[in-house]
PDB file of all heavy atoms in Angstrom:
ATOM      1  N   LEU A   1     137.375 113.247 161.387  1.00  0.00           N
ATOM      2  CA  LEU A   1     138.482 112.977 162.287  1.00  0.00           C
ATOM      3  C   LEU A   1     139.694 112.643 161.400  1.00  0.00           C
ATOM      4  O   LEU A   1     139.594 111.719 160.554  1.00  0.00           O
ATOM      5  CB  LEU A   1     138.156 111.792 163.210  1.00  0.00           C
ATOM      6  CG  LEU A   1     139.206 111.526 164.303  1.00  0.00           C
ATOM      7  CD1 LEU A   1     139.327 112.717 165.235  1.00  0.00           C
ATOM      8  CD2 LEU A   1     138.867 110.254 165.082  1.00  0.00           C
ATOM      9  N   TYR A   2     140.734 113.391 161.526  1.00  0.00           N
ATOM     10  CA  TYR A   2     141.879 113.291 160.624  1.00  0.00           C
ATOM     11  C   TYR A   2     143.111 112.806 161.376  1.00  0.00           C
ATOM     12  O   TYR A   2     143.461 113.359 162.417  1.00  0.00           O
ATOM     13  CB  TYR A   2     142.150 114.670 159.967  1.00  0.00           C
ATOM     14  CG  TYR A   2     143.139 114.564 158.829  1.00  0.00           C
ATOM     15  CD1 TYR A   2     142.724 114.178 157.571  1.00  0.00           C
ATOM     16  CD2 TYR A   2     144.481 114.833 159.057  1.00  0.00           C
ATOM     17  CE1 TYR A   2     143.630 114.081 156.522  1.00  0.00           C
ATOM     18  CE2 TYR A   2     145.390 114.719 158.020  1.00  0.00           C
ATOM     19  CZ  TYR A   2     144.968 114.353 156.738  1.00  0.00           C
ATOM     20  OH  TYR A   2     145.856 114.250 155.721  1.00  0.00           O
ATOM     21  N   LYS A   3     143.759 111.832 160.815  1.00  0.00           N
ATOM     22  CA  LYS A   3     144.967 111.230 161.398  1.00  0.00           C
ATOM     23  C   LYS A   3     146.220 111.910 160.843  1.00  0.00           C
ATOM     24  O   LYS A   3     146.436 111.930 159.635  1.00  0.00           O
ATOM     25  CB  LYS A   3     145.005 109.759 161.067  1.00  0.00           C
ATOM     26  CG  LYS A   3     146.282 109.059 161.418  1.00  0.00           C
ATOM     27  CD  LYS A   3     146.240 107.612 160.939  1.00  0.00           C
ATOM     28  CE  LYS A   3     147.495 106.875 161.223  1.00  0.00           C
ATOM     29  NZ  LYS A   3     147.397 105.464 160.772  1.00  0.00           N
ATOM     30  N   TYR A   4     147.026 112.475 161.751  1.00  0.00           N
ATOM     31  CA  TYR A   4     148.260 113.084 161.333  1.00  0.00           C
ATOM     32  C   TYR A   4     149.416 112.072 161.359  1.00  0.00           C
ATOM     33  O   TYR A   4     150.408 112.235 160.683  1.00  0.00           O
ATOM     34  CB  TYR A   4     148.612 114.280 162.206  1.00  0.00           C
ATOM     35  CG  TYR A   4     147.735 115.458 161.902  1.00  0.00           C
ATOM     36  CD1 TYR A   4     146.622 115.721 162.667  1.00  0.00           C
ATOM     37  CD2 TYR A   4     147.970 116.260 160.799  1.00  0.00           C
ATOM     38  CE1 TYR A   4     145.781 116.774 162.352  1.00  0.00           C
ATOM     39  CE2 TYR A   4     147.128 117.306 160.463  1.00  0.00           C
ATOM     40  CZ  TYR A   4     146.056 117.538 161.224  1.00  0.00           C
ATOM     41  OH  TYR A   4     145.208 118.572 160.941  1.00  0.00           O
ATOM     42  N   GLY A   5     149.283 111.050 162.158  1.00  0.00           N
ATOM     43  CA  GLY A   5     150.319 110.009 162.207  1.00  0.00           C
ATOM     44  C   GLY A   5     150.426 109.412 163.600  1.00  0.00           C
ATOM     45  O   GLY A   5     149.956 109.996 164.578  1.00  0.00           O
ATOM     46  N   ASN A   6     151.039 108.261 163.639  1.00  0.00           N
ATOM     47  CA  ASN A   6     151.263 107.575 164.938  1.00  0.00           C
ATOM     48  C   ASN A   6     152.744 107.589 165.262  1.00  0.00           C
ATOM     49  O   ASN A   6     153.584 107.557 164.393  1.00  0.00           O
ATOM     50  CB  ASN A   6     150.767 106.147 164.908  1.00  0.00           C
ATOM     51  CG  ASN A   6     149.268 106.053 164.891  1.00  0.00           C
ATOM     52  OD1 ASN A   6     148.562 107.010 165.181  1.00  0.00           O
ATOM     53  ND2 ASN A   6     148.733 104.897 164.529  1.00  0.00           N
ATOM     54  N   THR A   7     153.028 107.583 166.557  1.00  0.00           N
ATOM     55  CA  THR A   7     154.420 107.473 166.996  1.00  0.00           C
ATOM     56  C   THR A   7     154.849 106.012 166.869  1.00  0.00           C
ATOM     57  O   THR A   7     154.012 105.147 166.593  1.00  0.00           O
ATOM     58  CB  THR A   7     154.555 107.942 168.459  1.00  0.00           C
ATOM     59  OG1 THR A   7     153.733 107.119 169.257  1.00  0.00           O
ATOM     60  CG2 THR A   7     154.146 109.402 168.628  1.00  0.00           C
ATOM     61  N   SER A   8     156.089 105.741 167.084  1.00  0.00           N
ATOM     62  CA  SER A   8     156.608 104.373 166.928  1.00  0.00           C
ATOM     63  C   SER A   8     155.948 103.420 167.921  1.00  0.00           C
ATOM     64  O   SER A   8     155.869 102.219 167.673  1.00  0.00           O
ATOM     65  CB  SER A   8     158.121 104.333 167.100  1.00  0.00           C
ATOM     66  OG  SER A   8     158.457 104.825 168.393  1.00  0.00           O
ATOM     67  N   ASP A   9     155.467 103.901 169.050  1.00  0.00           N
ATOM     68  CA  ASP A   9     154.781 103.035 170.032  1.00  0.00           C
ATOM     69  C   ASP A   9     153.258 103.015 169.830  1.00  0.00           C
ATOM     70  O   ASP A   9     152.543 102.482 170.663  1.00  0.00           O
ATOM     71  CB  ASP A   9     155.161 103.449 171.456  1.00  0.00           C
ATOM     72  CG  ASP A   9     154.718 104.835 171.803  1.00  0.00           C
ATOM     73  OD1 ASP A   9     154.186 105.558 170.949  1.00  0.00           O
ATOM     74  OD2 ASP A   9     154.880 105.221 172.969  1.00  0.00           O
ATOM     75  N   GLY A  10     152.754 103.564 168.713  1.00  0.00           N
ATOM     76  CA  GLY A  10     151.361 103.451 168.376  1.00  0.00           C
ATOM     77  C   GLY A  10     150.455 104.576 168.851  1.00  0.00           C
ATOM     78  O   GLY A  10     149.272 104.593 168.521  1.00  0.00           O
ATOM     79  N   ARG A  11     150.959 105.509 169.641  1.00  0.00           N
ATOM     80  CA  ARG A  11     150.113 106.614 170.066  1.00  0.00           C
ATOM     81  C   ARG A  11     150.028 107.618 168.928  1.00  0.00           C
ATOM     82  O   ARG A  11     150.901 107.662 168.072  1.00  0.00           O
ATOM     83  CB  ARG A  11     150.705 107.283 171.312  1.00  0.00           C
ATOM     84  CG  ARG A  11     150.673 106.348 172.521  1.00  0.00           C
ATOM     85  CD  ARG A  11     151.261 106.959 173.725  1.00  0.00           C
ATOM     86  NE  ARG A  11     152.710 107.170 173.493  1.00  0.00           N
ATOM     87  CZ  ARG A  11     153.450 108.052 174.145  1.00  0.00           C
ATOM     88  NH1 ARG A  11     152.888 108.771 175.093  1.00  0.00           N
ATOM     89  NH2 ARG A  11     154.709 108.156 173.889  1.00  0.00           N
ATOM     90  N   GLY A  12     148.962 108.405 168.879  1.00  0.00           N
ATOM     91  CA  GLY A  12     148.733 109.213 167.693  1.00  0.00           C
ATOM     92  C   GLY A  12     148.455 110.664 167.933  1.00  0.00           C
ATOM     93  O   GLY A  12     148.344 111.146 169.038  1.00  0.00           O
ATOM     94  N   HIS A  13     148.310 111.369 166.802  1.00  0.00           N
ATOM     95  CA  HIS A  13     147.956 112.767 166.763  1.00  0.00           C
ATOM     96  C   HIS A  13     146.809 112.859 165.770  1.00  0.00           C
ATOM     97  O   HIS A  13     146.960 112.543 164.614  1.00  0.00           O
ATOM     98  CB  HIS A  13     149.119 113.599 166.297  1.00  0.00           C
ATOM     99  CG  HIS A  13     148.824 115.084 166.197  1.00  0.00           C
ATOM    100  ND1 HIS A  13     149.665 115.958 165.564  1.00  0.00           N
ATOM    101  CD2 HIS A  13     147.757 115.832 166.601  1.00  0.00           C
ATOM    102  CE1 HIS A  13     149.155 117.158 165.626  1.00  0.00           C
ATOM    103  NE2 HIS A  13     147.970 117.109 166.237  1.00  0.00           N
ATOM    104  N   SER A  14     145.630 113.334 166.254  1.00  0.00           N
ATOM    105  CA  SER A  14     144.451 113.444 165.429  1.00  0.00           C
ATOM    106  C   SER A  14     143.801 114.786 165.672  1.00  0.00           C
ATOM    107  O   SER A  14     144.058 115.443 166.679  1.00  0.00           O
ATOM    108  CB  SER A  14     143.440 112.328 165.766  1.00  0.00           C
ATOM    109  OG  SER A  14     144.022 111.045 165.595  1.00  0.00           O
ATOM    110  N   ALA A  15     142.937 115.176 164.729  1.00  0.00           N
ATOM    111  CA  ALA A  15     142.179 116.409 164.879  1.00  0.00           C
ATOM    112  C   ALA A  15     140.772 116.204 164.311  1.00  0.00           C
ATOM    113  O   ALA A  15     140.595 115.411 163.365  1.00  0.00           O
ATOM    114  CB  ALA A  15     142.860 117.576 164.193  1.00  0.00           C
ATOM    115  N   LEU A  16     139.825 116.920 164.843  1.00  0.00           N
ATOM    116  CA  LEU A  16     138.465 116.886 164.324  1.00  0.00           C
ATOM    117  C   LEU A  16     138.235 118.185 163.563  1.00  0.00           C
ATOM    118  O   LEU A  16     138.417 119.263 164.109  1.00  0.00           O
ATOM    119  CB  LEU A  16     137.478 116.762 165.489  1.00  0.00           C
ATOM    120  CG  LEU A  16     135.985 116.673 165.101  1.00  0.00           C
ATOM    121  CD1 LEU A  16     135.696 115.412 164.310  1.00  0.00           C
ATOM    122  CD2 LEU A  16     135.127 116.693 166.374  1.00  0.00           C
ATOM    123  N   TRP A  17     137.867 118.058 162.321  1.00  0.00           N
ATOM    124  CA  TRP A  17     137.594 119.186 161.420  1.00  0.00           C
ATOM    125  C   TRP A  17     136.122 119.228 161.094  1.00  0.00           C
ATOM    126  O   TRP A  17     135.471 118.196 161.000  1.00  0.00           O
ATOM    127  CB  TRP A  17     138.383 119.036 160.102  1.00  0.00           C
ATOM    128  CG  TRP A  17     139.842 119.126 160.255  1.00  0.00           C
ATOM    129  CD1 TRP A  17     140.727 118.181 160.713  1.00  0.00           C
ATOM    130  CD2 TRP A  17     140.643 120.254 159.937  1.00  0.00           C
ATOM    131  NE1 TRP A  17     142.012 118.653 160.700  1.00  0.00           N
ATOM    132  CE2 TRP A  17     142.006 119.928 160.235  1.00  0.00           C
ATOM    133  CE3 TRP A  17     140.394 121.534 159.422  1.00  0.00           C
ATOM    134  CZ2 TRP A  17     143.045 120.805 160.007  1.00  0.00           C
ATOM    135  CZ3 TRP A  17     141.428 122.412 159.225  1.00  0.00           C
ATOM    136  CH2 TRP A  17     142.755 122.066 159.507  1.00  0.00           C
ATOM    137  N   THR A  18     135.575 120.448 160.907  1.00  0.00           N
ATOM    138  CA  THR A  18     134.188 120.582 160.480  1.00  0.00           C
ATOM    139  C   THR A  18     134.149 121.297 159.122  1.00  0.00           C
ATOM    140  O   THR A  18     134.866 122.282 158.926  1.00  0.00           O
ATOM    141  CB  THR A  18     133.309 121.289 161.493  1.00  0.00           C
ATOM    142  OG1 THR A  18     133.873 122.581 161.789  1.00  0.00           O
ATOM    143  CG2 THR A  18     133.160 120.488 162.779  1.00  0.00           C
ATOM    144  N   PHE A  19     133.294 120.802 158.247  1.00  0.00           N
ATOM    145  CA  PHE A  19     132.993 121.372 156.957  1.00  0.00           C
ATOM    146  C   PHE A  19     131.521 121.817 157.041  1.00  0.00           C
ATOM    147  O   PHE A  19     130.645 120.969 156.953  1.00  0.00           O
ATOM    148  CB  PHE A  19     133.100 120.359 155.828  1.00  0.00           C
ATOM    149  CG  PHE A  19     134.454 119.729 155.618  1.00  0.00           C
ATOM    150  CD1 PHE A  19     134.945 118.767 156.518  1.00  0.00           C
ATOM    151  CD2 PHE A  19     135.197 120.011 154.496  1.00  0.00           C
ATOM    152  CE1 PHE A  19     136.151 118.126 156.286  1.00  0.00           C
ATOM    153  CE2 PHE A  19     136.415 119.387 154.299  1.00  0.00           C
ATOM    154  CZ  PHE A  19     136.891 118.451 155.174  1.00  0.00           C
ATOM    155  N   THR A  20     131.258 123.082 157.274  1.00  0.00           N
ATOM    156  CA  THR A  20     129.884 123.524 157.453  1.00  0.00           C
ATOM    157  C   THR A  20     129.230 123.863 156.106  1.00  0.00           C
ATOM    158  O   THR A  20     129.893 124.372 155.184  1.00  0.00           O
ATOM    159  CB  THR A  20     129.784 124.755 158.407  1.00  0.00           C
ATOM    160  OG1 THR A  20     130.602 125.795 157.891  1.00  0.00           O
ATOM    161  CG2 THR A  20     130.218 124.389 159.811  1.00  0.00           C
ATOM    162  N   SER A  21     127.949 123.579 156.034  1.00  0.00           N
ATOM    163  CA  SER A  21     127.180 123.819 154.843  1.00  0.00           C
ATOM    164  C   SER A  21     126.815 125.284 154.716  1.00  0.00           C
ATOM    165  O   SER A  21     126.466 125.941 155.707  1.00  0.00           O
ATOM    166  CB  SER A  21     125.886 122.972 154.847  1.00  0.00           C
ATOM    167  OG  SER A  21     125.082 123.316 153.764  1.00  0.00           O
ATOM    168  N   THR A  22     126.796 125.789 153.486  1.00  0.00           N
ATOM    169  CA  THR A  22     126.329 127.147 153.232  1.00  0.00           C
ATOM    170  C   THR A  22     124.886 127.115 152.668  1.00  0.00           C
ATOM    171  O   THR A  22     124.297 128.159 152.484  1.00  0.00           O
ATOM    172  CB  THR A  22     127.224 127.850 152.179  1.00  0.00           C
ATOM    173  OG1 THR A  22     127.108 127.155 150.926  1.00  0.00           O
ATOM    174  CG2 THR A  22     128.665 127.892 152.633  1.00  0.00           C
ATOM    175  N   GLY A  23     124.380 125.933 152.376  1.00  0.00           N
ATOM    176  CA  GLY A  23     123.073 125.763 151.725  1.00  0.00           C
ATOM    177  C   GLY A  23     123.227 125.493 150.225  1.00  0.00           C
ATOM    178  O   GLY A  23     122.458 124.805 149.643  1.00  0.00           O
ATOM    179  N   THR A  24     124.292 126.078 149.663  1.00  0.00           N
ATOM    180  CA  THR A  24     124.591 125.812 148.257  1.00  0.00           C
ATOM    181  C   THR A  24     125.972 125.232 148.056  1.00  0.00           C
ATOM    182  O   THR A  24     126.338 124.880 146.936  1.00  0.00           O
ATOM    183  CB  THR A  24     124.506 127.129 147.434  1.00  0.00           C
ATOM    184  OG1 THR A  24     125.421 128.085 147.988  1.00  0.00           O
ATOM    185  CG2 THR A  24     123.094 127.708 147.474  1.00  0.00           C
ATOM    186  N   GLY A  25     126.715 125.051 149.094  1.00  0.00           N
ATOM    187  CA  GLY A  25     128.031 124.485 149.035  1.00  0.00           C
ATOM    188  C   GLY A  25     128.560 124.171 150.422  1.00  0.00           C
ATOM    189  O   GLY A  25     127.767 124.129 151.394  1.00  0.00           O
ATOM    190  N   ILE A  26     129.844 123.993 150.525  1.00  0.00           N
ATOM    191  CA  ILE A  26     130.513 123.648 151.798  1.00  0.00           C
ATOM    192  C   ILE A  26     131.631 124.599 152.030  1.00  0.00           C
ATOM    193  O   ILE A  26     132.445 124.901 151.142  1.00  0.00           O
ATOM    194  CB  ILE A  26     131.059 122.174 151.753  1.00  0.00           C
ATOM    195  CG1 ILE A  26     129.967 121.152 151.507  1.00  0.00           C
ATOM    196  CG2 ILE A  26     131.848 121.869 152.991  1.00  0.00           C
ATOM    197  CD1 ILE A  26     129.023 120.920 152.672  1.00  0.00           C
ATOM    198  N   ASN A  27     131.699 125.126 153.241  1.00  0.00           N
ATOM    199  CA  ASN A  27     132.834 126.029 153.618  1.00  0.00           C
ATOM    200  C   ASN A  27     134.126 125.264 153.746  1.00  0.00           C
ATOM    201  O   ASN A  27     134.152 124.035 153.950  1.00  0.00           O
ATOM    202  CB  ASN A  27     132.518 126.687 154.993  1.00  0.00           C
ATOM    203  CG  ASN A  27     131.498 127.787 154.917  1.00  0.00           C
ATOM    204  OD1 ASN A  27     131.521 128.615 153.999  1.00  0.00           O
ATOM    205  ND2 ASN A  27     130.548 127.756 155.813  1.00  0.00           N
ATOM    206  N   THR A  28     135.218 125.976 153.627  1.00  0.00           N
ATOM    207  CA  THR A  28     136.537 125.409 153.833  1.00  0.00           C
ATOM    208  C   THR A  28     136.568 124.805 155.263  1.00  0.00           C
ATOM    209  O   THR A  28     136.027 125.386 156.195  1.00  0.00           O
ATOM    210  CB  THR A  28     137.591 126.501 153.729  1.00  0.00           C
ATOM    211  OG1 THR A  28     137.507 127.086 152.420  1.00  0.00           O
ATOM    212  CG2 THR A  28     139.000 125.949 153.933  1.00  0.00           C
ATOM    213  N   PRO A  29     137.182 123.634 155.423  1.00  0.00           N
ATOM    214  CA  PRO A  29     137.182 123.011 156.761  1.00  0.00           C
ATOM    215  C   PRO A  29     137.891 123.844 157.807  1.00  0.00           C
ATOM    216  O   PRO A  29     138.843 124.556 157.527  1.00  0.00           O
ATOM    217  CB  PRO A  29     137.919 121.673 156.536  1.00  0.00           C
ATOM    218  CG  PRO A  29     138.709 121.844 155.287  1.00  0.00           C
ATOM    219  CD  PRO A  29     137.948 122.850 154.454  1.00  0.00           C
ATOM    220  N   VAL A  30     137.378 123.725 159.039  1.00  0.00           N
ATOM    221  CA  VAL A  30     137.930 124.403 160.178  1.00  0.00           C
ATOM    222  C   VAL A  30     138.311 123.378 161.231  1.00  0.00           C
ATOM    223  O   VAL A  30     137.500 122.503 161.546  1.00  0.00           O
ATOM    224  CB  VAL A  30     136.897 125.432 160.797  1.00  0.00           C
ATOM    225  CG1 VAL A  30     137.389 126.023 162.094  1.00  0.00           C
ATOM    226  CG2 VAL A  30     136.549 126.501 159.779  1.00  0.00           C
ATOM    227  N   LYS A  31     139.512 123.487 161.783  1.00  0.00           N
ATOM    228  CA  LYS A  31     139.924 122.557 162.840  1.00  0.00           C
ATOM    229  C   LYS A  31     139.164 122.931 164.118  1.00  0.00           C
ATOM    230  O   LYS A  31     139.319 124.020 164.673  1.00  0.00           O
ATOM    231  CB  LYS A  31     141.416 122.616 163.062  1.00  0.00           C
ATOM    232  CG  LYS A  31     141.941 121.516 163.965  1.00  0.00           C
ATOM    233  CD  LYS A  31     143.410 121.638 164.322  1.00  0.00           C
ATOM    234  CE  LYS A  31     144.296 121.555 163.096  1.00  0.00           C
ATOM    235  NZ  LYS A  31     145.723 121.585 163.468  1.00  0.00           N
ATOM    236  N   ALA A  32     138.335 121.976 164.581  1.00  0.00           N
ATOM    237  CA  ALA A  32     137.500 122.223 165.746  1.00  0.00           C
ATOM    238  C   ALA A  32     138.161 121.709 167.022  1.00  0.00           C
ATOM    239  O   ALA A  32     137.858 122.174 168.138  1.00  0.00           O
ATOM    240  CB  ALA A  32     136.146 121.576 165.574  1.00  0.00           C
ATOM    241  N   TRP A  33     139.056 120.742 166.904  1.00  0.00           N
ATOM    242  CA  TRP A  33     139.712 120.127 168.080  1.00  0.00           C
ATOM    243  C   TRP A  33     140.977 119.460 167.606  1.00  0.00           C
ATOM    244  O   TRP A  33     141.027 118.896 166.500  1.00  0.00           O
ATOM    245  CB  TRP A  33     138.787 119.104 168.722  1.00  0.00           C
ATOM    246  CG  TRP A  33     139.448 118.321 169.830  1.00  0.00           C
ATOM    247  CD1 TRP A  33     139.691 118.710 171.081  1.00  0.00           C
ATOM    248  CD2 TRP A  33     139.952 116.980 169.703  1.00  0.00           C
ATOM    249  NE1 TRP A  33     140.321 117.691 171.802  1.00  0.00           N
ATOM    250  CE2 TRP A  33     140.500 116.606 170.960  1.00  0.00           C
ATOM    251  CE3 TRP A  33     140.018 116.045 168.690  1.00  0.00           C
ATOM    252  CZ2 TRP A  33     141.070 115.386 171.193  1.00  0.00           C
ATOM    253  CZ3 TRP A  33     140.623 114.828 168.899  1.00  0.00           C
ATOM    254  CH2 TRP A  33     141.118 114.503 170.151  1.00  0.00           C
ATOM    255  N   ASP A  34     142.007 119.541 168.417  1.00  0.00           N
ATOM    256  CA  ASP A  34     143.301 118.896 168.091  1.00  0.00           C
ATOM    257  C   ASP A  34     143.775 118.145 169.315  1.00  0.00           C
ATOM    258  O   ASP A  34     143.831 118.715 170.401  1.00  0.00           O
ATOM    259  CB  ASP A  34     144.326 119.956 167.700  1.00  0.00           C
ATOM    260  CG  ASP A  34     145.576 119.369 167.073  1.00  0.00           C
ATOM    261  OD1 ASP A  34     146.208 118.478 167.686  1.00  0.00           O
ATOM    262  OD2 ASP A  34     145.926 119.791 165.935  1.00  0.00           O
ATOM    263  N   SER A  35     144.115 116.876 169.142  1.00  0.00           N
ATOM    264  CA  SER A  35     144.545 116.028 170.264  1.00  0.00           C
ATOM    265  C   SER A  35     145.914 116.370 170.786  1.00  0.00           C
ATOM    266  O   SER A  35     146.270 116.028 171.899  1.00  0.00           O
ATOM    267  CB  SER A  35     144.501 114.547 169.872  1.00  0.00           C
ATOM    268  OG  SER A  35     145.602 114.241 169.000  1.00  0.00           O
ATOM    269  N   GLY A  36     146.737 116.982 169.964  1.00  0.00           N
ATOM    270  CA  GLY A  36     148.118 117.172 170.333  1.00  0.00           C
ATOM    271  C   GLY A  36     148.888 115.867 170.083  1.00  0.00           C
ATOM    272  O   GLY A  36     148.280 114.816 169.774  1.00  0.00           O
ATOM    273  N   ASP A  37     150.149 115.881 170.178  1.00  0.00           N
ATOM    274  CA  ASP A  37     150.942 114.698 169.940  1.00  0.00           C
ATOM    275  C   ASP A  37     150.735 113.627 171.016  1.00  0.00           C
ATOM    276  O   ASP A  37     150.596 113.952 172.193  1.00  0.00           O
ATOM    277  CB  ASP A  37     152.438 115.044 169.879  1.00  0.00           C
ATOM    278  CG  ASP A  37     152.758 115.830 168.624  1.00  0.00           C
ATOM    279  OD1 ASP A  37     152.036 115.721 167.608  1.00  0.00           O
ATOM    280  OD2 ASP A  37     153.760 116.548 168.621  1.00  0.00           O
TER     281      ASP A  37
END
């Protein structure tokens, strides 16, 4: 869960990223969900 920042009144913008395993490494992260501002 990644924090992009909060507004001046404390509300935020976050996104959930997944880093999937290849068995020998980890794939580049993919944004799975974005809360919006």
